[in-house]
Amino acid sequence: MPASGLGGVPDDFTVKTQSSEALTKGLYTSVAAFILANMPKLDEANMAEMNATLQRASLTMTALLAGIAAISLVVGGVGIMNIMLVAVKERTREIGVRRAVGARRRDVLAQFLVEALTLSAVGGAIGIALGFAAASR
């Protein structure tokens, strides 16, 4: 017996989805009726399966982004290391003069550490700004 609609008038329509049509195509009427009677359970199973698939896809994308970020950090660290190596080699005279006037080894190391940290912070800030600019488009 069909459910009653507004005003006690029985509903005279049925809702068919593409999945129900695909499942019942070419089947005997009794088998098709059985399948259609169990469609809500099938739809629930499909939704649970889709949810699980989306969860796995989300985890995969998170892992992929984390991997890309890790590789980017390693490449950036190697770049800064090379820049600082060149800076030390080019400034050996300056280091020698500083040592000659009384600077300790620790003072020279602190100077280059501050330079490396400044370079990293400025590069990171520029990268974040470019990331936000690209994401806002």
N, C-alpha and C. Protein backbone atom coordinates (compact mmCIF):
# COMPACT_ATOMS: atom_id res chain seq x y z
N MET A 1 0.85 -1.18 0.00
CA MET A 1 0.00 0.00 0.00
C MET A 1 0.89 1.24 0.00
N PRO A 2 0.66 2.14 -0.94
CA PRO A 2 1.50 3.33 -1.01
C PRO A 2 1.24 4.23 0.20
N ALA A 3 2.30 4.96 0.56
CA ALA A 3 2.19 5.89 1.69
C ALA A 3 1.28 7.04 1.32
N SER A 4 0.67 7.61 2.33
CA SER A 4 -0.23 8.73 2.08
C SER A 4 0.56 10.02 1.97
N GLY A 5 0.18 10.83 1.01
CA GLY A 5 0.81 12.13 0.85
C GLY A 5 0.05 13.17 1.65
N LEU A 6 0.13 14.41 1.23
CA LEU A 6 -0.57 15.49 1.90
C LEU A 6 -2.06 15.33 1.70
N GLY A 7 -2.81 15.58 2.71
CA GLY A 7 -4.27 15.54 2.62
C GLY A 7 -4.83 14.14 2.50
N GLY A 8 -4.07 13.12 2.84
CA GLY A 8 -4.56 11.74 2.80
C GLY A 8 -4.63 11.15 1.41
N VAL A 9 -4.13 11.87 0.40
CA VAL A 9 -4.14 11.34 -0.97
C VAL A 9 -2.93 10.42 -1.13
N PRO A 10 -3.15 9.20 -1.60
CA PRO A 10 -2.01 8.28 -1.73
C PRO A 10 -1.01 8.78 -2.78
N ASP A 11 0.26 8.51 -2.51
CA ASP A 11 1.31 8.88 -3.47
C ASP A 11 1.18 7.99 -4.69
N ASP A 12 1.25 8.58 -5.86
CA ASP A 12 1.14 7.80 -7.08
C ASP A 12 2.43 7.88 -7.91
N PHE A 13 3.55 7.95 -7.23
CA PHE A 13 4.82 7.99 -7.94
C PHE A 13 5.84 7.14 -7.20
N THR A 14 6.89 6.78 -7.89
CA THR A 14 8.01 6.08 -7.28
C THR A 14 9.29 6.79 -7.69
N VAL A 15 10.30 6.68 -6.86
CA VAL A 15 11.58 7.29 -7.15
C VAL A 15 12.53 6.18 -7.57
N LYS A 16 13.08 6.31 -8.76
CA LYS A 16 14.03 5.32 -9.26
C LYS A 16 15.37 6.01 -9.45
N THR A 17 16.39 5.36 -8.97
CA THR A 17 17.74 5.88 -9.19
C THR A 17 18.37 5.12 -10.34
N GLN A 18 19.48 5.62 -10.82
CA GLN A 18 20.18 4.93 -11.89
C GLN A 18 20.67 3.56 -11.43
N SER A 19 21.04 3.48 -10.15
CA SER A 19 21.51 2.20 -9.67
C SER A 19 20.39 1.17 -9.64
N SER A 20 19.19 1.59 -9.28
CA SER A 20 18.08 0.63 -9.26
C SER A 20 17.73 0.18 -10.66
N GLU A 21 17.78 1.09 -11.62
CA GLU A 21 17.49 0.70 -13.01
C GLU A 21 18.57 -0.25 -13.53
N ALA A 22 19.83 0.03 -13.20
CA ALA A 22 20.92 -0.83 -13.67
C ALA A 22 20.85 -2.21 -13.05
N LEU A 23 20.47 -2.28 -11.78
CA LEU A 23 20.41 -3.57 -11.10
C LEU A 23 19.24 -4.42 -11.57
N THR A 24 18.14 -3.79 -11.93
CA THR A 24 16.93 -4.56 -12.28
C THR A 24 16.77 -4.75 -13.77
N LYS A 25 17.64 -4.22 -14.57
CA LYS A 25 17.51 -4.32 -16.02
C LYS A 25 17.65 -5.78 -16.47
N GLY A 26 16.67 -6.27 -17.17
CA GLY A 26 16.71 -7.61 -17.73
C GLY A 26 16.38 -8.72 -16.74
N LEU A 27 15.89 -8.39 -15.55
CA LEU A 27 15.57 -9.41 -14.56
C LEU A 27 14.07 -9.71 -14.57
N TYR A 28 13.73 -10.87 -14.03
CA TYR A 28 12.31 -11.20 -13.85
C TYR A 28 11.69 -10.20 -12.90
N THR A 29 10.40 -10.02 -13.01
CA THR A 29 9.69 -9.03 -12.20
C THR A 29 9.82 -9.33 -10.72
N SER A 30 9.72 -10.59 -10.31
CA SER A 30 9.79 -10.93 -8.89
C SER A 30 11.19 -10.65 -8.33
N VAL A 31 12.23 -10.93 -9.11
CA VAL A 31 13.60 -10.66 -8.67
C VAL A 31 13.84 -9.16 -8.60
N ALA A 32 13.34 -8.43 -9.59
CA ALA A 32 13.49 -6.98 -9.59
C ALA A 32 12.77 -6.36 -8.40
N ALA A 33 11.59 -6.88 -8.06
CA ALA A 33 10.84 -6.36 -6.91
C ALA A 33 11.62 -6.62 -5.62
N PHE A 34 12.23 -7.79 -5.51
CA PHE A 34 13.04 -8.11 -4.32
C PHE A 34 14.22 -7.16 -4.20
N ILE A 35 14.87 -6.90 -5.30
CA ILE A 35 16.03 -6.00 -5.29
C ILE A 35 15.59 -4.59 -4.92
N LEU A 36 14.48 -4.15 -5.51
CA LEU A 36 14.01 -2.79 -5.20
C LEU A 36 13.57 -2.66 -3.75
N ALA A 37 13.05 -3.73 -3.17
CA ALA A 37 12.65 -3.69 -1.76
C ALA A 37 13.87 -3.54 -0.86
N ASN A 38 15.00 -4.03 -1.30
CA ASN A 38 16.22 -3.96 -0.49
C ASN A 38 17.14 -2.80 -0.91
N MET A 39 16.67 -1.92 -1.78
CA MET A 39 17.50 -0.80 -2.25
C MET A 39 17.97 0.12 -1.14
N PRO A 40 17.14 0.43 -0.11
CA PRO A 40 17.67 1.31 0.95
C PRO A 40 18.91 0.73 1.62
N LYS A 41 18.93 -0.59 1.82
CA LYS A 41 20.10 -1.22 2.42
C LYS A 41 21.29 -1.12 1.47
N LEU A 42 21.03 -1.29 0.18
CA LEU A 42 22.09 -1.19 -0.82
C LEU A 42 22.64 0.22 -0.88
N ASP A 43 21.74 1.21 -0.80
CA ASP A 43 22.19 2.61 -0.81
C ASP A 43 23.03 2.92 0.41
N GLU A 44 22.65 2.37 1.58
CA GLU A 44 23.45 2.57 2.78
C GLU A 44 24.84 1.96 2.61
N ALA A 45 24.89 0.77 2.02
CA ALA A 45 26.19 0.12 1.80
C ALA A 45 27.03 0.94 0.83
N ASN A 46 26.40 1.47 -0.21
CA ASN A 46 27.14 2.29 -1.18
C ASN A 46 27.67 3.56 -0.52
N MET A 47 26.87 4.18 0.34
CA MET A 47 27.32 5.39 1.01
C MET A 47 28.49 5.09 1.95
N ALA A 48 28.42 3.98 2.66
CA ALA A 48 29.52 3.60 3.55
C ALA A 48 30.78 3.32 2.75
N GLU A 49 30.61 2.66 1.62
CA GLU A 49 31.77 2.37 0.77
C GLU A 49 32.37 3.65 0.21
N MET A 50 31.52 4.58 -0.21
CA MET A 50 32.03 5.86 -0.73
C MET A 50 32.73 6.64 0.37
N ASN A 51 32.18 6.61 1.59
CA ASN A 51 32.81 7.31 2.71
C ASN A 51 34.19 6.73 3.00
N ALA A 52 34.29 5.40 2.99
CA ALA A 52 35.59 4.76 3.23
C ALA A 52 36.58 5.11 2.13
N THR A 53 36.12 5.15 0.90
CA THR A 53 36.99 5.51 -0.22
C THR A 53 37.48 6.95 -0.09
N LEU A 54 36.58 7.85 0.29
CA LEU A 54 36.97 9.25 0.47
C LEU A 54 37.95 9.41 1.62
N GLN A 55 37.78 8.63 2.68
CA GLN A 55 38.72 8.68 3.81
C GLN A 55 40.11 8.23 3.36
N ARG A 56 40.15 7.13 2.59
CA ARG A 56 41.45 6.65 2.11
C ARG A 56 42.10 7.67 1.18
N ALA A 57 41.30 8.28 0.33
CA ALA A 57 41.84 9.30 -0.59
C ALA A 57 42.38 10.49 0.19
N SER A 58 41.67 10.88 1.23
CA SER A 58 42.12 12.01 2.06
C SER A 58 43.44 11.68 2.75
N LEU A 59 43.55 10.48 3.29
CA LEU A 59 44.81 10.08 3.93
C LEU A 59 45.96 10.03 2.93
N THR A 60 45.68 9.55 1.73
CA THR A 60 46.71 9.48 0.70
C THR A 60 47.18 10.87 0.30
N MET A 61 46.24 11.79 0.14
CA MET A 61 46.61 13.16 -0.22
C MET A 61 47.40 13.84 0.89
N THR A 62 47.03 13.58 2.15
CA THR A 62 47.77 14.15 3.27
C THR A 62 49.20 13.63 3.29
N ALA A 63 49.36 12.32 3.08
CA ALA A 63 50.71 11.74 3.05
C ALA A 63 51.52 12.30 1.89
N LEU A 64 50.88 12.48 0.74
CA LEU A 64 51.56 13.03 -0.43
C LEU A 64 52.03 14.45 -0.16
N LEU A 65 51.17 15.26 0.42
CA LEU A 65 51.55 16.65 0.73
C LEU A 65 52.66 16.70 1.77
N ALA A 66 52.60 15.82 2.77
CA ALA A 66 53.66 15.78 3.78
C ALA A 66 54.99 15.38 3.15
N GLY A 67 54.97 14.44 2.22
CA GLY A 67 56.19 14.04 1.52
C GLY A 67 56.77 15.16 0.69
N ILE A 68 55.91 15.88 -0.01
CA ILE A 68 56.38 17.01 -0.82
C ILE A 68 56.97 18.09 0.08
N ALA A 69 56.32 18.36 1.21
CA ALA A 69 56.84 19.37 2.14
C ALA A 69 58.20 18.96 2.70
N ALA A 70 58.35 17.68 3.03
CA ALA A 70 59.63 17.20 3.57
C ALA A 70 60.75 17.34 2.53
N ILE A 71 60.46 16.98 1.30
CA ILE A 71 61.46 17.11 0.24
C ILE A 71 61.82 18.58 0.02
N SER A 72 60.82 19.45 0.07
CA SER A 72 61.08 20.88 -0.10
C SER A 72 61.97 21.42 1.02
N LEU A 73 61.74 20.97 2.24
CA LEU A 73 62.58 21.42 3.35
C LEU A 73 64.01 20.94 3.20
N VAL A 74 64.19 19.71 2.76
CA VAL A 74 65.55 19.19 2.57
C VAL A 74 66.27 19.98 1.47
N VAL A 75 65.58 20.22 0.36
CA VAL A 75 66.19 20.97 -0.74
C VAL A 75 66.53 22.39 -0.29
N GLY A 76 65.62 23.02 0.46
CA GLY A 76 65.90 24.36 0.97
C GLY A 76 67.10 24.37 1.91
N GLY A 77 67.20 23.35 2.77
CA GLY A 77 68.34 23.27 3.69
C GLY A 77 69.66 23.11 2.96
N VAL A 78 69.66 22.29 1.91
CA VAL A 78 70.88 22.10 1.12
C VAL A 78 71.25 23.40 0.41
N GLY A 79 70.25 24.12 -0.08
CA GLY A 79 70.51 25.40 -0.73
C GLY A 79 71.12 26.42 0.22
N ILE A 80 70.58 26.51 1.41
CA ILE A 80 71.12 27.44 2.41
C ILE A 80 72.53 27.02 2.81
N MET A 81 72.74 25.73 2.94
CA MET A 81 74.08 25.24 3.29
C MET A 81 75.11 25.65 2.22
N ASN A 82 74.75 25.52 0.97
CA ASN A 82 75.67 25.90 -0.11
C ASN A 82 75.93 27.41 -0.12
N ILE A 83 74.89 28.18 0.11
CA ILE A 83 75.06 29.64 0.13
C ILE A 83 75.99 30.04 1.27
N MET A 84 75.81 29.41 2.43
CA MET A 84 76.67 29.75 3.57
C MET A 84 78.10 29.28 3.34
N LEU A 85 78.28 28.16 2.68
CA LEU A 85 79.63 27.69 2.36
C LEU A 85 80.35 28.69 1.46
N VAL A 86 79.65 29.18 0.46
CA VAL A 86 80.24 30.19 -0.44
C VAL A 86 80.54 31.47 0.33
N ALA A 87 79.62 31.85 1.24
CA ALA A 87 79.82 33.08 2.01
C ALA A 87 81.07 32.97 2.88
N VAL A 88 81.29 31.83 3.49
CA VAL A 88 82.48 31.65 4.34
C VAL A 88 83.74 31.67 3.49
N LYS A 89 83.73 30.99 2.35
CA LYS A 89 84.92 30.95 1.49
C LYS A 89 85.27 32.32 0.94
N GLU A 90 84.26 33.13 0.60
CA GLU A 90 84.52 34.46 0.05
C GLU A 90 84.96 35.44 1.12
N ARG A 91 84.64 35.17 2.37
CA ARG A 91 84.91 36.14 3.43
C ARG A 91 86.00 35.67 4.38
N THR A 92 86.94 34.90 3.89
CA THR A 92 88.03 34.43 4.76
C THR A 92 88.88 35.59 5.27
N ARG A 93 89.06 36.59 4.45
CA ARG A 93 89.86 37.76 4.90
C ARG A 93 89.14 38.47 6.03
N GLU A 94 87.82 38.67 5.86
CA GLU A 94 87.05 39.34 6.92
C GLU A 94 87.11 38.53 8.21
N ILE A 95 87.01 37.23 8.10
CA ILE A 95 87.09 36.37 9.29
C ILE A 95 88.47 36.50 9.93
N GLY A 96 89.51 36.51 9.09
CA GLY A 96 90.87 36.67 9.60
C GLY A 96 91.07 37.99 10.33
N VAL A 97 90.54 39.07 9.76
CA VAL A 97 90.68 40.39 10.39
C VAL A 97 89.94 40.40 11.73
N ARG A 98 88.74 39.84 11.75
CA ARG A 98 87.98 39.80 13.01
C ARG A 98 88.72 39.00 14.06
N ARG A 99 89.30 37.86 13.66
CA ARG A 99 90.06 37.04 14.62
C ARG A 99 91.30 37.79 15.11
N ALA A 100 91.91 38.56 14.20
CA ALA A 100 93.13 39.29 14.56
C ALA A 100 92.86 40.40 15.57
N VAL A 101 91.68 40.99 15.51
CA VAL A 101 91.37 42.08 16.44
C VAL A 101 90.69 41.57 17.71
N GLY A 102 90.62 40.23 17.88
CA GLY A 102 90.16 39.70 19.16
C GLY A 102 88.86 38.92 19.17
N ALA A 103 88.27 38.74 18.02
CA ALA A 103 87.02 37.96 17.99
C ALA A 103 87.33 36.48 18.22
N ARG A 104 86.48 35.84 18.99
CA ARG A 104 86.68 34.42 19.24
C ARG A 104 85.99 33.61 18.14
N ARG A 105 86.38 32.36 18.08
CA ARG A 105 85.77 31.44 17.11
C ARG A 105 84.25 31.42 17.28
N ARG A 106 83.80 31.45 18.52
CA ARG A 106 82.37 31.43 18.82
C ARG A 106 81.67 32.66 18.24
N ASP A 107 82.32 33.83 18.24
CA ASP A 107 81.73 35.05 17.70
C ASP A 107 81.53 34.94 16.18
N VAL A 108 82.54 34.39 15.50
CA VAL A 108 82.44 34.22 14.05
C VAL A 108 81.34 33.22 13.71
N LEU A 109 81.28 32.12 14.46
CA LEU A 109 80.23 31.12 14.22
C LEU A 109 78.85 31.70 14.48
N ALA A 110 78.74 32.54 15.53
CA ALA A 110 77.45 33.17 15.83
C ALA A 110 77.02 34.09 14.70
N GLN A 111 77.98 34.81 14.11
CA GLN A 111 77.66 35.71 13.00
C GLN A 111 77.07 34.92 11.83
N PHE A 112 77.72 33.82 11.47
CA PHE A 112 77.23 33.04 10.34
C PHE A 112 75.92 32.31 10.67
N LEU A 113 75.74 31.94 11.92
CA LEU A 113 74.49 31.32 12.32
C LEU A 113 73.34 32.32 12.20
N VAL A 114 73.57 33.55 12.63
CA VAL A 114 72.53 34.59 12.51
C VAL A 114 72.23 34.85 11.04
N GLU A 115 73.25 34.88 10.20
CA GLU A 115 73.02 35.08 8.77
C GLU A 115 72.18 33.95 8.19
N ALA A 116 72.50 32.71 8.56
CA ALA A 116 71.75 31.56 8.05
C ALA A 116 70.30 31.58 8.53
N LEU A 117 70.10 31.92 9.80
CA LEU A 117 68.73 32.00 10.32
C LEU A 117 67.94 33.11 9.65
N THR A 118 68.59 34.26 9.42
CA THR A 118 67.92 35.36 8.73
C THR A 118 67.55 34.97 7.32
N LEU A 119 68.48 34.32 6.63
CA LEU A 119 68.22 33.86 5.26
C LEU A 119 67.05 32.88 5.23
N SER A 120 67.01 31.96 6.19
CA SER A 120 65.93 30.99 6.27
C SER A 120 64.59 31.65 6.56
N ALA A 121 64.59 32.59 7.51
CA ALA A 121 63.34 33.26 7.90
C ALA A 121 62.78 34.10 6.76
N VAL A 122 63.65 34.84 6.08
CA VAL A 122 63.19 35.67 4.96
C VAL A 122 62.68 34.78 3.82
N GLY A 123 63.43 33.71 3.51
CA GLY A 123 62.98 32.79 2.46
C GLY A 123 61.67 32.12 2.81
N GLY A 124 61.51 31.73 4.08
CA GLY A 124 60.26 31.12 4.51
C GLY A 124 59.09 32.08 4.42
N ALA A 125 59.31 33.34 4.83
CA ALA A 125 58.25 34.34 4.76
C ALA A 125 57.84 34.61 3.31
N ILE A 126 58.82 34.68 2.43
CA ILE A 126 58.50 34.88 1.01
C ILE A 126 57.73 33.68 0.47
N GLY A 127 58.14 32.47 0.85
CA GLY A 127 57.44 31.27 0.40
C GLY A 127 56.01 31.21 0.89
N ILE A 128 55.79 31.58 2.15
CA ILE A 128 54.43 31.59 2.70
C ILE A 128 53.58 32.62 1.99
N ALA A 129 54.14 33.80 1.75
CA ALA A 129 53.40 34.85 1.05
C ALA A 129 53.03 34.41 -0.36
N LEU A 130 53.98 33.79 -1.07
CA LEU A 130 53.68 33.30 -2.42
C LEU A 130 52.64 32.19 -2.38
N GLY A 131 52.70 31.33 -1.35
CA GLY A 131 51.71 30.27 -1.21
C GLY A 131 50.31 30.81 -1.00
N PHE A 132 50.18 31.80 -0.12
CA PHE A 132 48.87 32.41 0.09
C PHE A 132 48.38 33.12 -1.16
N ALA A 133 49.29 33.79 -1.87
CA ALA A 133 48.90 34.48 -3.09
C ALA A 133 48.41 33.48 -4.15
N ALA A 134 49.12 32.35 -4.27
CA ALA A 134 48.71 31.35 -5.26
C ALA A 134 47.41 30.67 -4.86
N ALA A 135 47.20 30.47 -3.55
CA ALA A 135 45.99 29.80 -3.09
C ALA A 135 44.77 30.69 -3.19
N SER A 136 44.95 32.00 -3.14
CA SER A 136 43.80 32.90 -3.18
C SER A 136 43.24 33.10 -4.58
N ARG A 137 43.95 32.66 -5.59
CA ARG A 137 43.47 32.85 -6.97
C ARG A 137 42.44 31.87 -7.34
